[in-house]
Amino acid sequence: MELSPRLYHILVRPKWFSKLYVENVIKHNKERIEYAKRLYPEYEFATLESSILPIDDKSIDHILIFSVLHHIDSEELKDYLKEFHRVLKHEGNILVVEPYFKPYCVLKNNCMRYFDKGNYIRTEKEYLDMFNHNKYKTEVINRYSQPLFYNKLFFIASPI
């Protein structure tokens, strides 16, 4: 079952929670971008047509990725990781919060598998390995539960 953008924002990512993290966002899904523009008119949103970011080399301090990677297959994700490497300053980093399949949490894992629109929810090891194999050093900051049966992984990735 796929949640509509409206239900997703009511149940999974309520507006009060998102306001803590949203500034200028570049997302991949045009439908969600249009919904976000209506929901947060004070912010700037844009869609990407490829993995190439319209940003100068070594010009970004931090990249925030909040529940996006599980919508991107591993091959395409590698292209994004290379591009993030290009735009991040040497001391920059990526802050990542993603749903993840947690060992021995069968109910939550199955609920995420059933309700979430993302086809690429990974385990903690799979996320960290993906970044490590693409020239990032990773550090897990937190693992927590989000309402409605979501396990969330918060980690930092720094270019090496």
N, C-alpha and C. Protein backbone atom coordinates (compact mmCIF):
# COMPACT_ATOMS: atom_id res chain seq x y z
N MET A 1 0.85 -1.18 0.00
CA MET A 1 0.00 0.00 0.00
C MET A 1 0.89 1.24 0.00
N GLU A 2 0.63 2.14 -0.90
CA GLU A 2 1.41 3.36 -1.01
C GLU A 2 0.61 4.51 -0.39
N LEU A 3 1.24 5.27 0.50
CA LEU A 3 0.58 6.42 1.10
C LEU A 3 0.66 7.60 0.15
N SER A 4 -0.42 8.35 0.08
CA SER A 4 -0.40 9.58 -0.72
C SER A 4 0.55 10.57 -0.03
N PRO A 5 1.06 11.57 -0.77
CA PRO A 5 1.92 12.57 -0.12
C PRO A 5 1.25 13.22 1.09
N ARG A 6 -0.05 13.51 0.99
CA ARG A 6 -0.77 14.15 2.11
C ARG A 6 -0.77 13.24 3.34
N LEU A 7 -1.16 11.98 3.17
CA LEU A 7 -1.17 11.05 4.31
C LEU A 7 0.23 10.82 4.86
N TYR A 8 1.20 10.72 3.97
CA TYR A 8 2.59 10.53 4.40
C TYR A 8 3.00 11.68 5.33
N HIS A 9 2.68 12.92 4.95
CA HIS A 9 3.09 14.07 5.76
C HIS A 9 2.28 14.19 7.04
N ILE A 10 1.07 13.68 7.06
CA ILE A 10 0.28 13.70 8.29
C ILE A 10 0.75 12.61 9.25
N LEU A 11 0.96 11.40 8.73
CA LEU A 11 1.25 10.26 9.59
C LEU A 11 2.73 10.01 9.86
N VAL A 12 3.56 10.14 8.84
CA VAL A 12 4.96 9.77 8.98
C VAL A 12 5.85 10.97 9.26
N ARG A 13 5.61 12.05 8.56
CA ARG A 13 6.45 13.24 8.73
C ARG A 13 5.57 14.47 8.93
N PRO A 14 5.05 14.66 10.16
CA PRO A 14 4.17 15.80 10.41
C PRO A 14 4.89 17.14 10.20
N LYS A 15 4.10 18.17 9.86
CA LYS A 15 4.66 19.47 9.51
C LYS A 15 5.55 20.03 10.62
N TRP A 16 5.14 19.91 11.89
CA TRP A 16 5.93 20.47 12.98
C TRP A 16 7.32 19.82 13.03
N PHE A 17 7.39 18.53 12.71
CA PHE A 17 8.66 17.81 12.74
C PHE A 17 9.54 18.23 11.56
N SER A 18 8.93 18.33 10.39
CA SER A 18 9.68 18.71 9.19
C SER A 18 10.23 20.12 9.29
N LYS A 19 9.50 21.03 9.92
CA LYS A 19 9.96 22.42 10.02
C LYS A 19 11.29 22.51 10.76
N LEU A 20 11.58 21.55 11.60
CA LEU A 20 12.86 21.55 12.32
C LEU A 20 14.03 21.33 11.37
N TYR A 21 13.80 20.72 10.21
CA TYR A 21 14.90 20.30 9.34
C TYR A 21 14.91 20.92 7.94
N VAL A 22 13.77 21.45 7.50
CA VAL A 22 13.67 21.89 6.11
C VAL A 22 14.23 23.29 5.93
N GLU A 23 15.09 23.47 4.93
CA GLU A 23 15.49 24.80 4.46
C GLU A 23 15.31 24.81 2.97
N ASN A 24 16.39 24.82 2.22
CA ASN A 24 16.28 24.70 0.77
C ASN A 24 16.52 23.24 0.42
N VAL A 25 15.61 22.67 -0.33
CA VAL A 25 15.64 21.24 -0.56
C VAL A 25 15.68 20.94 -2.06
N ILE A 26 16.52 20.00 -2.42
CA ILE A 26 16.50 19.47 -3.78
C ILE A 26 16.08 18.01 -3.66
N LYS A 27 14.95 17.69 -4.26
CA LYS A 27 14.44 16.32 -4.20
C LYS A 27 14.24 15.76 -5.59
N HIS A 28 14.09 14.47 -5.65
CA HIS A 28 14.03 13.75 -6.91
C HIS A 28 12.60 13.58 -7.44
N ASN A 29 11.59 13.63 -6.58
CA ASN A 29 10.23 13.30 -6.96
C ASN A 29 9.40 14.56 -7.18
N LYS A 30 8.98 14.80 -8.43
CA LYS A 30 8.27 16.04 -8.78
C LYS A 30 6.94 16.19 -8.05
N GLU A 31 6.20 15.11 -7.87
CA GLU A 31 4.92 15.18 -7.18
C GLU A 31 5.11 15.66 -5.74
N ARG A 32 6.10 15.11 -5.07
CA ARG A 32 6.35 15.52 -3.69
C ARG A 32 6.89 16.95 -3.62
N ILE A 33 7.64 17.35 -4.64
CA ILE A 33 8.14 18.73 -4.69
C ILE A 33 6.97 19.70 -4.78
N GLU A 34 6.02 19.42 -5.64
CA GLU A 34 4.86 20.31 -5.79
C GLU A 34 4.07 20.37 -4.48
N TYR A 35 3.92 19.24 -3.82
CA TYR A 35 3.23 19.22 -2.53
C TYR A 35 4.02 20.01 -1.49
N ALA A 36 5.32 19.84 -1.46
CA ALA A 36 6.17 20.57 -0.50
C ALA A 36 6.10 22.08 -0.75
N LYS A 37 6.05 22.50 -2.01
CA LYS A 37 5.94 23.93 -2.33
C LYS A 37 4.66 24.52 -1.75
N ARG A 38 3.57 23.76 -1.84
CA ARG A 38 2.30 24.24 -1.26
C ARG A 38 2.35 24.23 0.26
N LEU A 39 2.98 23.22 0.83
CA LEU A 39 3.02 23.07 2.28
C LEU A 39 3.97 24.07 2.93
N TYR A 40 5.10 24.37 2.27
CA TYR A 40 6.12 25.27 2.81
C TYR A 40 6.47 26.35 1.79
N PRO A 41 5.57 27.30 1.54
CA PRO A 41 5.82 28.30 0.49
C PRO A 41 7.01 29.21 0.79
N GLU A 42 7.43 29.27 2.03
CA GLU A 42 8.55 30.15 2.40
C GLU A 42 9.92 29.56 2.03
N TYR A 43 9.95 28.31 1.56
CA TYR A 43 11.21 27.67 1.21
C TYR A 43 11.33 27.47 -0.30
N GLU A 44 12.56 27.26 -0.74
CA GLU A 44 12.83 27.04 -2.16
C GLU A 44 13.05 25.55 -2.41
N PHE A 45 12.36 24.99 -3.40
CA PHE A 45 12.48 23.59 -3.76
C PHE A 45 12.80 23.47 -5.24
N ALA A 46 13.51 22.43 -5.61
CA ALA A 46 13.81 22.18 -7.02
C ALA A 46 13.91 20.68 -7.25
N THR A 47 13.69 20.26 -8.48
CA THR A 47 13.85 18.84 -8.82
C THR A 47 15.12 18.65 -9.62
N LEU A 48 15.64 17.45 -9.55
CA LEU A 48 16.84 17.10 -10.31
C LEU A 48 16.45 16.26 -11.52
N GLU A 49 17.08 16.53 -12.63
CA GLU A 49 16.86 15.72 -13.83
C GLU A 49 17.95 14.66 -13.98
N SER A 50 19.04 14.80 -13.21
CA SER A 50 20.13 13.82 -13.23
C SER A 50 20.83 13.89 -11.88
N SER A 51 21.91 13.15 -11.73
CA SER A 51 22.65 13.19 -10.47
C SER A 51 23.59 14.38 -10.38
N ILE A 52 23.66 15.20 -11.42
CA ILE A 52 24.55 16.36 -11.43
C ILE A 52 23.88 17.52 -10.69
N LEU A 53 24.53 17.99 -9.64
CA LEU A 53 24.00 19.12 -8.87
C LEU A 53 24.47 20.44 -9.47
N PRO A 54 23.57 21.42 -9.56
CA PRO A 54 23.95 22.73 -10.10
C PRO A 54 24.68 23.57 -9.04
N ILE A 55 25.80 23.03 -8.55
CA ILE A 55 26.53 23.63 -7.43
C ILE A 55 28.02 23.57 -7.75
N ASP A 56 28.75 24.62 -7.37
CA ASP A 56 30.20 24.67 -7.62
C ASP A 56 30.94 23.61 -6.81
N ASP A 57 32.10 23.20 -7.32
CA ASP A 57 32.98 22.26 -6.62
C ASP A 57 33.38 22.82 -5.26
N LYS A 58 33.45 21.91 -4.27
CA LYS A 58 33.96 22.23 -2.93
C LYS A 58 33.33 23.50 -2.35
N SER A 59 32.00 23.63 -2.49
CA SER A 59 31.33 24.85 -2.04
C SER A 59 30.31 24.62 -0.93
N ILE A 60 30.08 23.38 -0.52
CA ILE A 60 29.04 23.06 0.45
C ILE A 60 29.66 22.54 1.75
N ASP A 61 29.18 23.09 2.87
CA ASP A 61 29.65 22.63 4.19
C ASP A 61 28.96 21.34 4.62
N HIS A 62 27.64 21.29 4.46
CA HIS A 62 26.87 20.15 4.95
C HIS A 62 25.77 19.81 3.95
N ILE A 63 25.51 18.54 3.83
CA ILE A 63 24.37 18.05 3.06
C ILE A 63 23.49 17.27 4.03
N LEU A 64 22.21 17.59 4.08
CA LEU A 64 21.26 16.88 4.93
C LEU A 64 20.40 15.99 4.04
N ILE A 65 20.42 14.70 4.33
CA ILE A 65 19.60 13.73 3.60
C ILE A 65 18.63 13.13 4.60
N PHE A 66 17.37 13.41 4.39
CA PHE A 66 16.35 12.99 5.34
C PHE A 66 15.32 12.11 4.63
N SER A 67 15.46 10.81 4.80
CA SER A 67 14.52 9.82 4.26
C SER A 67 14.37 9.92 2.75
N VAL A 68 15.50 9.93 2.05
CA VAL A 68 15.50 10.01 0.59
C VAL A 68 16.20 8.79 -0.02
N LEU A 69 17.28 8.34 0.58
CA LEU A 69 18.12 7.31 -0.03
C LEU A 69 17.38 6.00 -0.27
N HIS A 70 16.39 5.70 0.54
CA HIS A 70 15.67 4.44 0.36
C HIS A 70 14.73 4.48 -0.85
N HIS A 71 14.72 5.59 -1.57
CA HIS A 71 13.98 5.70 -2.83
C HIS A 71 14.91 5.59 -4.04
N ILE A 72 16.20 5.38 -3.81
CA ILE A 72 17.20 5.39 -4.88
C ILE A 72 17.92 4.05 -4.91
N ASP A 73 17.98 3.43 -6.09
CA ASP A 73 18.67 2.14 -6.19
C ASP A 73 20.18 2.34 -6.00
N SER A 74 20.88 1.27 -5.71
CA SER A 74 22.30 1.35 -5.33
C SER A 74 23.18 1.91 -6.44
N GLU A 75 22.91 1.56 -7.68
CA GLU A 75 23.75 2.07 -8.78
C GLU A 75 23.59 3.58 -8.94
N GLU A 76 22.36 4.06 -8.91
CA GLU A 76 22.12 5.51 -9.02
C GLU A 76 22.68 6.24 -7.79
N LEU A 77 22.56 5.60 -6.63
CA LEU A 77 23.07 6.21 -5.41
C LEU A 77 24.58 6.44 -5.49
N LYS A 78 25.29 5.52 -6.11
CA LYS A 78 26.75 5.70 -6.28
C LYS A 78 27.05 6.99 -7.04
N ASP A 79 26.25 7.30 -8.06
CA ASP A 79 26.45 8.55 -8.82
C ASP A 79 26.23 9.77 -7.93
N TYR A 80 25.21 9.72 -7.09
CA TYR A 80 24.96 10.84 -6.17
C TYR A 80 26.10 11.00 -5.17
N LEU A 81 26.60 9.88 -4.66
CA LEU A 81 27.69 9.95 -3.69
C LEU A 81 28.94 10.57 -4.31
N LYS A 82 29.21 10.26 -5.56
CA LYS A 82 30.34 10.90 -6.26
C LYS A 82 30.10 12.40 -6.40
N GLU A 83 28.89 12.77 -6.72
CA GLU A 83 28.55 14.18 -6.88
C GLU A 83 28.62 14.92 -5.54
N PHE A 84 28.16 14.30 -4.48
CA PHE A 84 28.27 14.91 -3.15
C PHE A 84 29.73 15.13 -2.80
N HIS A 85 30.56 14.16 -3.14
CA HIS A 85 32.00 14.28 -2.90
C HIS A 85 32.56 15.50 -3.63
N ARG A 86 32.09 15.74 -4.84
CA ARG A 86 32.56 16.87 -5.64
C ARG A 86 32.17 18.21 -5.01
N VAL A 87 30.95 18.34 -4.51
CA VAL A 87 30.47 19.65 -4.03
C VAL A 87 30.83 19.94 -2.58
N LEU A 88 31.14 18.90 -1.79
CA LEU A 88 31.47 19.12 -0.38
C LEU A 88 32.86 19.72 -0.21
N LYS A 89 32.95 20.68 0.72
CA LYS A 89 34.26 21.20 1.10
C LYS A 89 35.04 20.07 1.78
N HIS A 90 36.36 20.22 1.87
CA HIS A 90 37.19 19.15 2.45
C HIS A 90 36.76 18.78 3.86
N GLU A 91 36.33 19.76 4.65
CA GLU A 91 35.90 19.47 6.02
C GLU A 91 34.38 19.30 6.11
N GLY A 92 33.69 19.25 4.97
CA GLY A 92 32.23 19.10 4.94
C GLY A 92 31.80 17.69 5.29
N ASN A 93 30.49 17.52 5.48
CA ASN A 93 29.97 16.19 5.75
C ASN A 93 28.52 16.07 5.32
N ILE A 94 28.05 14.85 5.32
CA ILE A 94 26.67 14.53 4.99
C ILE A 94 26.01 13.99 6.24
N LEU A 95 24.89 14.58 6.61
CA LEU A 95 24.10 14.08 7.74
C LEU A 95 22.94 13.30 7.14
N VAL A 96 22.84 12.03 7.52
CA VAL A 96 21.87 11.13 6.90
C VAL A 96 20.93 10.58 7.97
N VAL A 97 19.63 10.66 7.71
CA VAL A 97 18.62 10.00 8.53
C VAL A 97 17.77 9.18 7.57
N GLU A 98 17.78 7.87 7.76
CA GLU A 98 17.09 6.96 6.84
C GLU A 98 16.39 5.85 7.61
N PRO A 99 15.24 5.37 7.10
CA PRO A 99 14.68 4.15 7.68
C PRO A 99 15.63 2.99 7.37
N TYR A 100 15.72 2.06 8.29
CA TYR A 100 16.60 0.91 8.04
C TYR A 100 15.99 -0.35 8.63
N PHE A 101 16.34 -1.47 8.01
CA PHE A 101 15.91 -2.76 8.52
C PHE A 101 16.82 -3.14 9.68
N LYS A 102 16.19 -3.31 10.83
CA LYS A 102 16.93 -3.59 12.06
C LYS A 102 16.80 -5.09 12.39
N PRO A 103 17.93 -5.72 12.76
CA PRO A 103 17.87 -7.14 13.11
C PRO A 103 16.86 -7.40 14.24
N TYR A 104 16.13 -8.48 14.12
CA TYR A 104 15.20 -8.96 15.15
C TYR A 104 13.99 -8.04 15.35
N CYS A 105 13.73 -7.14 14.44
CA CYS A 105 12.54 -6.27 14.50
C CYS A 105 11.61 -6.62 13.34
N VAL A 106 11.13 -7.84 13.35
CA VAL A 106 10.38 -8.37 12.22
C VAL A 106 9.12 -7.54 11.95
N LEU A 107 8.37 -7.18 12.99
CA LEU A 107 7.13 -6.43 12.79
C LEU A 107 7.40 -5.06 12.16
N LYS A 108 8.33 -4.32 12.74
CA LYS A 108 8.65 -2.99 12.19
C LYS A 108 9.22 -3.11 10.78
N ASN A 109 10.10 -4.04 10.56
CA ASN A 109 10.68 -4.23 9.22
C ASN A 109 9.59 -4.53 8.19
N ASN A 110 8.66 -5.41 8.56
CA ASN A 110 7.58 -5.76 7.63
C ASN A 110 6.63 -4.58 7.40
N CYS A 111 6.37 -3.80 8.44
CA CYS A 111 5.53 -2.61 8.27
C CYS A 111 6.20 -1.60 7.34
N MET A 112 7.50 -1.37 7.51
CA MET A 112 8.20 -0.46 6.61
C MET A 112 8.15 -0.99 5.18
N ARG A 113 8.37 -2.29 5.04
CA ARG A 113 8.36 -2.91 3.71
C ARG A 113 6.99 -2.74 3.04
N TYR A 114 5.92 -2.83 3.84
CA TYR A 114 4.56 -2.78 3.31
C TYR A 114 4.09 -1.35 3.04
N PHE A 115 4.33 -0.43 4.00
CA PHE A 115 3.76 0.91 3.91
C PHE A 115 4.63 1.93 3.20
N ASP A 116 5.92 1.75 3.23
CA ASP A 116 6.80 2.78 2.69
C ASP A 116 6.86 2.70 1.17
N LYS A 117 6.92 3.87 0.53
CA LYS A 117 6.98 3.95 -0.93
C LYS A 117 8.38 3.61 -1.45
N GLY A 118 9.38 3.70 -0.57
CA GLY A 118 10.76 3.41 -1.00
C GLY A 118 11.00 1.93 -1.20
N ASN A 119 11.59 1.59 -2.33
CA ASN A 119 11.86 0.19 -2.64
C ASN A 119 13.25 -0.26 -2.21
N TYR A 120 14.02 0.64 -1.59
CA TYR A 120 15.42 0.33 -1.32
C TYR A 120 15.81 0.59 0.13
N ILE A 121 14.92 0.26 1.06
CA ILE A 121 15.30 0.37 2.47
C ILE A 121 16.41 -0.65 2.70
N ARG A 122 17.46 -0.22 3.37
CA ARG A 122 18.64 -1.07 3.55
C ARG A 122 18.87 -1.34 5.04
N THR A 123 19.77 -2.25 5.32
CA THR A 123 20.22 -2.47 6.69
C THR A 123 21.25 -1.39 7.04
N GLU A 124 21.55 -1.26 8.31
CA GLU A 124 22.59 -0.32 8.73
C GLU A 124 23.90 -0.62 8.00
N LYS A 125 24.28 -1.87 7.97
CA LYS A 125 25.54 -2.26 7.32
C LYS A 125 25.53 -1.88 5.84
N GLU A 126 24.42 -2.09 5.17
CA GLU A 126 24.34 -1.76 3.74
C GLU A 126 24.51 -0.26 3.50
N TYR A 127 23.87 0.57 4.33
CA TYR A 127 24.05 2.03 4.18
C TYR A 127 25.51 2.42 4.41
N LEU A 128 26.08 1.95 5.51
CA LEU A 128 27.46 2.34 5.85
C LEU A 128 28.45 1.82 4.81
N ASP A 129 28.27 0.57 4.38
CA ASP A 129 29.15 0.02 3.35
C ASP A 129 29.07 0.82 2.05
N MET A 130 27.87 1.23 1.68
CA MET A 130 27.71 2.01 0.45
C MET A 130 28.54 3.29 0.52
N PHE A 131 28.48 3.98 1.64
CA PHE A 131 29.25 5.22 1.79
C PHE A 131 30.74 4.92 1.90
N ASN A 132 31.11 3.91 2.69
CA ASN A 132 32.53 3.58 2.87
C ASN A 132 33.18 3.17 1.55
N HIS A 133 32.47 2.42 0.72
CA HIS A 133 33.02 1.98 -0.57
C HIS A 133 33.10 3.12 -1.58
N ASN A 134 32.49 4.25 -1.26
CA ASN A 134 32.51 5.41 -2.15
C ASN A 134 33.28 6.58 -1.53
N LYS A 135 34.31 6.24 -0.76
CA LYS A 135 35.28 7.21 -0.23
C LYS A 135 34.71 8.16 0.82
N TYR A 136 33.94 7.58 1.75
CA TYR A 136 33.45 8.33 2.90
C TYR A 136 33.80 7.58 4.18
N LYS A 137 34.08 8.34 5.21
CA LYS A 137 34.22 7.78 6.55
C LYS A 137 32.86 7.98 7.21
N THR A 138 32.33 6.96 7.88
CA THR A 138 31.00 7.06 8.48
C THR A 138 31.06 6.90 9.99
N GLU A 139 30.10 7.53 10.64
CA GLU A 139 29.96 7.40 12.09
C GLU A 139 28.47 7.42 12.42
N VAL A 140 28.00 6.36 13.08
CA VAL A 140 26.60 6.30 13.51
C VAL A 140 26.43 7.21 14.72
N ILE A 141 25.44 8.09 14.64
CA ILE A 141 25.14 9.02 15.73
C ILE A 141 24.03 8.46 16.61
N ASN A 142 23.00 7.89 15.97
CA ASN A 142 21.86 7.41 16.75
C ASN A 142 21.05 6.41 15.93
N ARG A 143 20.38 5.53 16.66
CA ARG A 143 19.38 4.63 16.09
C ARG A 143 18.14 4.84 16.94
N TYR A 144 16.99 5.04 16.30
CA TYR A 144 15.79 5.31 17.08
C TYR A 144 14.55 4.82 16.35
N SER A 145 13.44 4.77 17.09
CA SER A 145 12.16 4.39 16.51
C SER A 145 11.35 5.64 16.25
N GLN A 146 10.71 5.67 15.10
CA GLN A 146 9.80 6.75 14.75
C GLN A 146 8.40 6.17 14.80
N PRO A 147 7.39 6.98 15.15
CA PRO A 147 6.03 6.45 15.20
C PRO A 147 5.65 5.73 13.90
N LEU A 148 4.67 4.86 14.02
CA LEU A 148 4.18 4.05 12.91
C LEU A 148 5.21 3.05 12.40
N PHE A 149 5.92 2.45 13.32
CA PHE A 149 6.75 1.29 13.00
C PHE A 149 7.95 1.57 12.11
N TYR A 150 8.60 2.67 12.31
CA TYR A 150 9.81 2.97 11.54
C TYR A 150 11.03 2.90 12.44
N ASN A 151 12.07 2.21 11.98
CA ASN A 151 13.40 2.28 12.59
C ASN A 151 14.17 3.32 11.81
N LYS A 152 14.83 4.24 12.50
CA LYS A 152 15.60 5.28 11.82
C LYS A 152 17.06 5.19 12.24
N LEU A 153 17.92 5.42 11.26
CA LEU A 153 19.37 5.43 11.46
C LEU A 153 19.87 6.83 11.14
N PHE A 154 20.62 7.42 12.07
CA PHE A 154 21.21 8.74 11.88
C PHE A 154 22.71 8.57 11.87
N PHE A 155 23.35 8.92 10.76
CA PHE A 155 24.81 8.82 10.69
C PHE A 155 25.39 9.99 9.92
N ILE A 156 26.69 10.19 10.12
CA ILE A 156 27.43 11.24 9.42
C ILE A 156 28.43 10.57 8.49
N ALA A 157 28.56 11.11 7.29
CA ALA A 157 29.55 10.63 6.33
C ALA A 157 30.43 11.80 5.92
N SER A 158 31.74 11.60 6.01
CA SER A 158 32.71 12.64 5.65
C SER A 158 33.60 12.14 4.53
N PRO A 159 33.85 12.98 3.52
CA PRO A 159 34.72 12.56 2.42
C PRO A 159 36.13 12.25 2.90
N ILE A 160 36.75 11.22 2.33
CA ILE A 160 38.15 10.91 2.66
C ILE A 160 38.98 10.93 1.39
